[in-house]
């Protein structure tokens, strides 16, 4: 199983304020994964994008069960299309 990429900064709150809506997508593109771990206001946060994240967050059972899934490496060819 792949490790979830981690942000290198101590806290990503300033970057979140600076980047706003694009904060997650920029970092997912940088790490080439649809998931990454960072800290916001010194709290551990896992950010997810794409179909996997949507399925987990919008699932009717999401509040009743905990989910885990394998991080997916992004295909660099899809960025050029």
Foldseek 3Di string as FASTA:
>chain_A
DDDAAEDPDQACQVVCVVVPPCSQVVVCVVVQWQWHWYHHVNHIDIHGDDDVVCCLVVPPCNVPDPDDDDIDGHDPVVVVD
